[in-house]
Amino acid sequence: MKWLNDAWETFLEFLAKIGGAILSFVSPLAHAIAVNGGIVLAQAAEEAVLAAETAGGDSSTKLAAARAAVISTLESKGIPVVLNAINGAIEAAVAKLKANQATSQSASDPPAEPTQAVS
């Protein structure tokens, strides 16, 4: 089964290349978040996004509310306001919230009815 092992290794190399390209793309943003508020920024963004989603409105209204809340949190803790880091943290929080909602939705879906073969 050498061919299967070779195919698997090729597949893993392919995934590593794609993952590396994506990682190198988002790495500067992750660095900006880390050095411009770090955990405080990430937690503030998650809380602000959840609050904005709960309050509702269109996407620009929710973004403005989340951004204002994050800025307020950072300023209250004496952390400099860096908009690209804030925007990136908000976008990451939105993605995380959507992923969590999708996971919880699929977990709460009723199991599919078994299908019966037609004779």
Protein backbone atom coordinates (compact mmCIF):
# COMPACT_ATOMS: atom_id res chain seq x y z
CA MET A 1 0.00 0.00 0.00
CA LYS A 2 2.91 2.31 -0.68
CA TRP A 3 0.81 4.25 -3.18
CA LEU A 4 -1.74 5.04 -0.45
CA ASN A 5 1.00 6.22 1.89
CA ASP A 6 2.52 8.35 -0.91
CA ALA A 7 -0.88 9.85 -1.70
CA TRP A 8 -1.43 10.63 1.99
CA GLU A 9 1.97 12.30 2.30
CA THR A 10 1.29 14.39 -0.82
CA PHE A 11 -2.07 15.43 0.63
CA LEU A 12 -0.48 16.43 3.93
CA GLU A 13 2.18 18.48 2.14
CA PHE A 14 -0.56 20.23 0.16
CA LEU A 15 -2.44 21.10 3.36
CA ALA A 16 0.76 22.37 4.98
CA LYS A 17 1.40 24.70 2.04
CA ILE A 18 -2.14 26.08 2.08
CA GLY A 19 -2.10 26.44 5.85
CA GLY A 20 1.26 28.17 5.71
CA ALA A 21 0.03 30.64 3.10
CA ILE A 22 -3.05 31.47 5.14
CA LEU A 23 -1.05 31.73 8.33
CA SER A 24 1.45 34.11 6.74
CA PHE A 25 -1.47 36.22 5.47
CA VAL A 26 -3.17 36.63 8.88
CA SER A 27 0.00 36.66 10.96
CA PRO A 28 0.57 40.45 10.76
CA LEU A 29 -2.98 41.09 11.95
CA ALA A 30 -2.60 38.61 14.81
CA HIS A 31 0.62 40.40 15.78
CA ALA A 32 -1.15 43.80 15.68
CA ILE A 33 -3.88 42.46 17.98
CA ALA A 34 -1.32 40.91 20.33
CA VAL A 35 0.79 44.05 20.75
CA ASN A 36 -2.11 46.52 20.83
CA GLY A 37 -4.22 45.17 23.64
CA GLY A 38 -3.74 41.42 23.48
CA ILE A 39 -6.15 39.46 25.63
CA VAL A 40 -7.91 42.62 26.82
CA LEU A 41 -8.59 43.60 23.21
CA ALA A 42 -9.73 40.10 22.24
CA GLN A 43 -12.09 39.81 25.22
CA ALA A 44 -13.44 43.32 24.69
CA ALA A 45 -14.11 42.51 21.03
CA GLU A 46 -15.92 39.26 21.88
CA GLU A 47 -18.09 41.00 24.48
CA ALA A 48 -18.80 43.95 22.18
CA VAL A 49 -19.74 41.72 19.24
CA LEU A 50 -22.09 39.65 21.37
CA ALA A 51 -23.73 42.82 22.72
CA ALA A 52 -24.05 44.31 19.23
CA GLU A 53 -25.57 41.09 17.86
CA THR A 54 -28.03 41.01 20.76
CA ALA A 55 -28.99 44.66 20.22
CA GLY A 56 -29.51 44.04 16.50
CA GLY A 57 -29.48 46.41 13.59
CA ASP A 58 -27.76 46.35 10.24
CA SER A 59 -24.12 45.39 9.92
CA SER A 60 -22.79 48.95 9.94
CA THR A 61 -24.78 49.76 13.10
CA LYS A 62 -23.47 46.64 14.85
CA LEU A 63 -19.90 47.37 13.75
CA ALA A 64 -20.09 50.96 15.02
CA ALA A 65 -21.50 49.79 18.36
CA ALA A 66 -18.86 47.10 18.75
CA ARG A 67 -16.06 49.47 17.79
CA ALA A 68 -17.26 52.13 20.27
CA ALA A 69 -17.49 49.56 23.06
CA VAL A 70 -14.00 48.21 22.38
CA ILE A 71 -12.51 51.70 22.22
CA SER A 72 -14.19 52.58 25.50
CA THR A 73 -12.79 49.45 27.16
CA LEU A 74 -9.27 50.09 25.89
CA GLU A 75 -9.34 53.76 26.90
CA SER A 76 -10.62 52.88 30.38
CA LYS A 77 -7.61 50.58 30.84
CA GLY A 78 -5.10 53.04 29.39
CA ILE A 79 -4.43 50.90 26.31
CA PRO A 80 -3.72 52.83 23.08
CA VAL A 81 -6.43 52.74 20.42
CA VAL A 82 -5.12 51.18 17.20
CA LEU A 83 -7.96 50.88 14.71
CA ASN A 84 -6.56 48.13 12.50
CA ALA A 85 -6.05 45.93 15.59
CA ILE A 86 -9.54 46.78 16.86
CA ASN A 87 -11.15 46.06 13.49
CA GLY A 88 -9.25 42.80 13.18
CA ALA A 89 -10.25 41.73 16.68
CA ILE A 90 -13.89 42.55 15.95
CA GLU A 91 -13.82 40.56 12.70
CA ALA A 92 -12.22 37.62 14.50
CA ALA A 93 -14.88 37.84 17.21
CA VAL A 94 -17.64 37.87 14.58
CA ALA A 95 -16.12 34.81 12.88
CA LYS A 96 -15.84 33.02 16.23
CA LEU A 97 -19.44 33.87 17.14
CA LYS A 98 -20.72 32.60 13.78
CA ALA A 99 -18.69 29.41 14.10
CA ASN A 100 -20.03 28.83 17.61
CA GLN A 101 -23.58 29.47 16.44
CA ALA A 102 -23.16 27.03 13.55
CA THR A 103 -21.75 24.40 15.89
CA SER A 104 -24.50 24.82 18.46
CA GLN A 105 -27.15 24.86 15.73
CA SER A 106 -25.93 21.61 14.19
CA ALA A 107 -25.73 20.02 17.66
CA SER A 108 -29.34 20.99 18.37
CA ASP A 109 -30.69 19.80 15.03
CA PRO A 110 -32.84 16.72 15.44
CA PRO A 111 -31.31 13.53 14.11
CA ALA A 112 -32.31 12.67 10.58
CA GLU A 113 -35.11 10.19 10.19
CA PRO A 114 -33.83 6.84 8.99
CA THR A 115 -34.71 6.25 5.38
CA GLN A 116 -36.42 3.09 4.35
CA ALA A 117 -35.53 1.33 1.16
CA VAL A 118 -38.31 1.26 -1.38
CA SER A 119 -39.10 -2.31 -2.37
